[in-house]
Structures are given as structure tokens and as C-alpha cells.
Protein backbone atom coordinates (compact mmCIF):
# COMPACT_ATOMS: atom_id res chain seq x y z
CA MET A 1 0.00 0.00 0.00
CA LYS A 2 2.81 2.38 0.88
CA SER A 3 4.44 1.95 -2.55
CA PHE A 4 1.09 2.69 -4.20
CA VAL A 5 0.82 6.00 -2.32
CA VAL A 6 4.40 6.94 -3.21
CA SER A 7 3.75 6.08 -6.88
CA ALA A 8 0.56 8.14 -6.90
CA LEU A 9 2.40 11.12 -5.42
CA LEU A 10 5.19 10.84 -7.99
CA ILE A 11 2.70 10.71 -10.84
CA ALA A 12 0.85 13.74 -9.48
CA ALA A 13 4.09 15.69 -9.07
CA SER A 14 5.22 14.85 -12.59
CA GLY A 15 1.95 16.20 -13.97
CA VAL A 16 2.64 19.54 -12.34
CA ALA A 17 6.14 19.62 -13.84
CA LEU A 18 4.74 19.05 -17.33
CA ALA A 19 2.24 21.88 -17.01
CA GLY A 20 4.74 24.63 -17.87
CA PRO A 21 5.66 27.86 -16.11
CA ILE A 22 3.29 30.15 -14.25
CA CYS A 23 3.07 33.83 -15.15
CA ASN A 24 1.81 36.19 -12.47
CA VAL A 25 1.27 39.21 -14.69
CA PRO A 26 -1.91 41.32 -14.53
CA LYS A 27 -3.81 41.05 -17.82
CA GLU A 28 -3.73 44.82 -18.36
CA LYS A 29 0.08 44.60 -18.66
CA TRP A 30 0.02 41.83 -21.31
CA MET A 31 1.33 42.60 -24.77
CA PRO A 32 -1.54 42.41 -27.31
CA GLU A 33 -1.60 38.97 -28.95
CA ALA A 34 -1.37 40.40 -32.48
CA THR A 35 1.71 42.48 -31.56
CA PHE A 36 3.33 39.50 -29.86
CA LYS A 37 2.72 37.17 -32.82
CA LYS A 38 3.96 39.77 -35.32
CA GLY A 39 7.20 40.16 -33.36
CA LEU A 40 7.83 36.42 -33.41
CA GLU A 41 7.06 36.14 -37.10
CA GLU A 42 9.50 38.97 -37.80
CA LYS A 43 12.14 36.87 -36.00
CA GLY A 44 11.44 33.98 -38.38
CA TYR A 45 9.05 31.85 -36.32
CA GLN A 46 6.17 30.06 -38.03
CA ILE A 47 3.36 29.85 -35.49
CA LYS A 48 1.04 26.87 -35.93
CA THR A 49 -0.73 27.23 -32.56
CA PHE A 50 -0.84 30.20 -30.23
CA LYS A 51 -2.58 30.04 -26.87
CA VAL A 52 -2.60 31.18 -23.27
CA SER A 53 -1.35 28.30 -21.13
CA LYS A 54 -2.96 27.09 -17.91
CA GLY A 55 -0.21 29.01 -16.11
CA GLU A 56 -1.36 32.23 -17.82
CA CYS A 57 1.68 32.50 -20.14
CA TYR A 58 1.74 32.88 -23.89
CA GLU A 59 2.56 29.54 -25.50
CA ILE A 60 3.37 28.75 -29.12
CA TYR A 61 3.80 25.58 -31.13
CA GLY A 62 5.48 25.91 -34.49
CA PHE A 63 8.88 26.21 -36.12
CA ASP A 64 11.90 28.45 -35.60
CA LYS A 65 13.76 30.16 -38.47
CA ALA A 66 15.88 27.02 -38.98
CA GLY A 67 12.72 24.93 -39.43
CA LYS A 68 13.10 23.17 -36.06
CA LYS A 69 9.87 22.26 -34.28
CA VAL A 70 9.39 24.32 -31.09
CA GLU A 71 7.10 24.64 -28.08
CA ILE A 72 7.88 27.83 -26.18
CA TYR A 73 6.34 29.59 -23.18
CA PHE A 74 6.70 33.37 -22.97
CA ASP A 75 6.05 36.04 -20.37
CA PRO A 76 2.97 37.83 -21.76
CA ALA A 77 4.19 41.29 -20.73
CA THR A 78 7.86 41.20 -21.77
CA ALA A 79 7.95 38.37 -24.35
CA ALA A 80 10.85 36.84 -22.42
CA VAL A 81 11.30 33.11 -23.08
CA LEU A 82 10.39 31.20 -19.92
CA GLU A 83 10.66 27.61 -21.11
CA THR A 84 11.38 25.76 -24.31
CA LYS A 85 10.45 22.12 -24.95
């Protein structure tokens, strides 16, 4: 029974780790989505999916200028890269 509880806790903890970063930025300070996307496209990114993550960060799925597949989380106010997968 004890090993079951430990396994369950490890699985739960790993789910949190896969969720991505958390952004604690008031919405009124967020960069407009269109401006944010335009800036990335000007840097050579091809955005296939753009969304706000569960952690309230901007998240994109697509390709960088070298054609490499990317999943990136950004701070919605500064556009700083928070995590890349």
C-alpha cells in the first residue's frame, strides 16, 4: 500500500512539472496577442498554434527560423522566453 501511495504522489508531481511555467502578470500589462505574434514572425518563427497556457503565459507551437519544431512559453508582458520544450 505504501508503494502505491508513493507512486501516486510521484505521478501527481510529474503532472505539475509538465504543465509549464506560471506567469503572475496582470492582464492589463500583457502585450496584445497580435503584436506579440507579429514580433515572433519577424524573428522567423512560423506559429502553428498560439494560446494562453494554464499558467497564464503565452505559449506557441510551431517552427523556428531554422525549421526546427518548437514549443515555447513566454512572459505575456515582456515576451521573455520562460521555457522551451
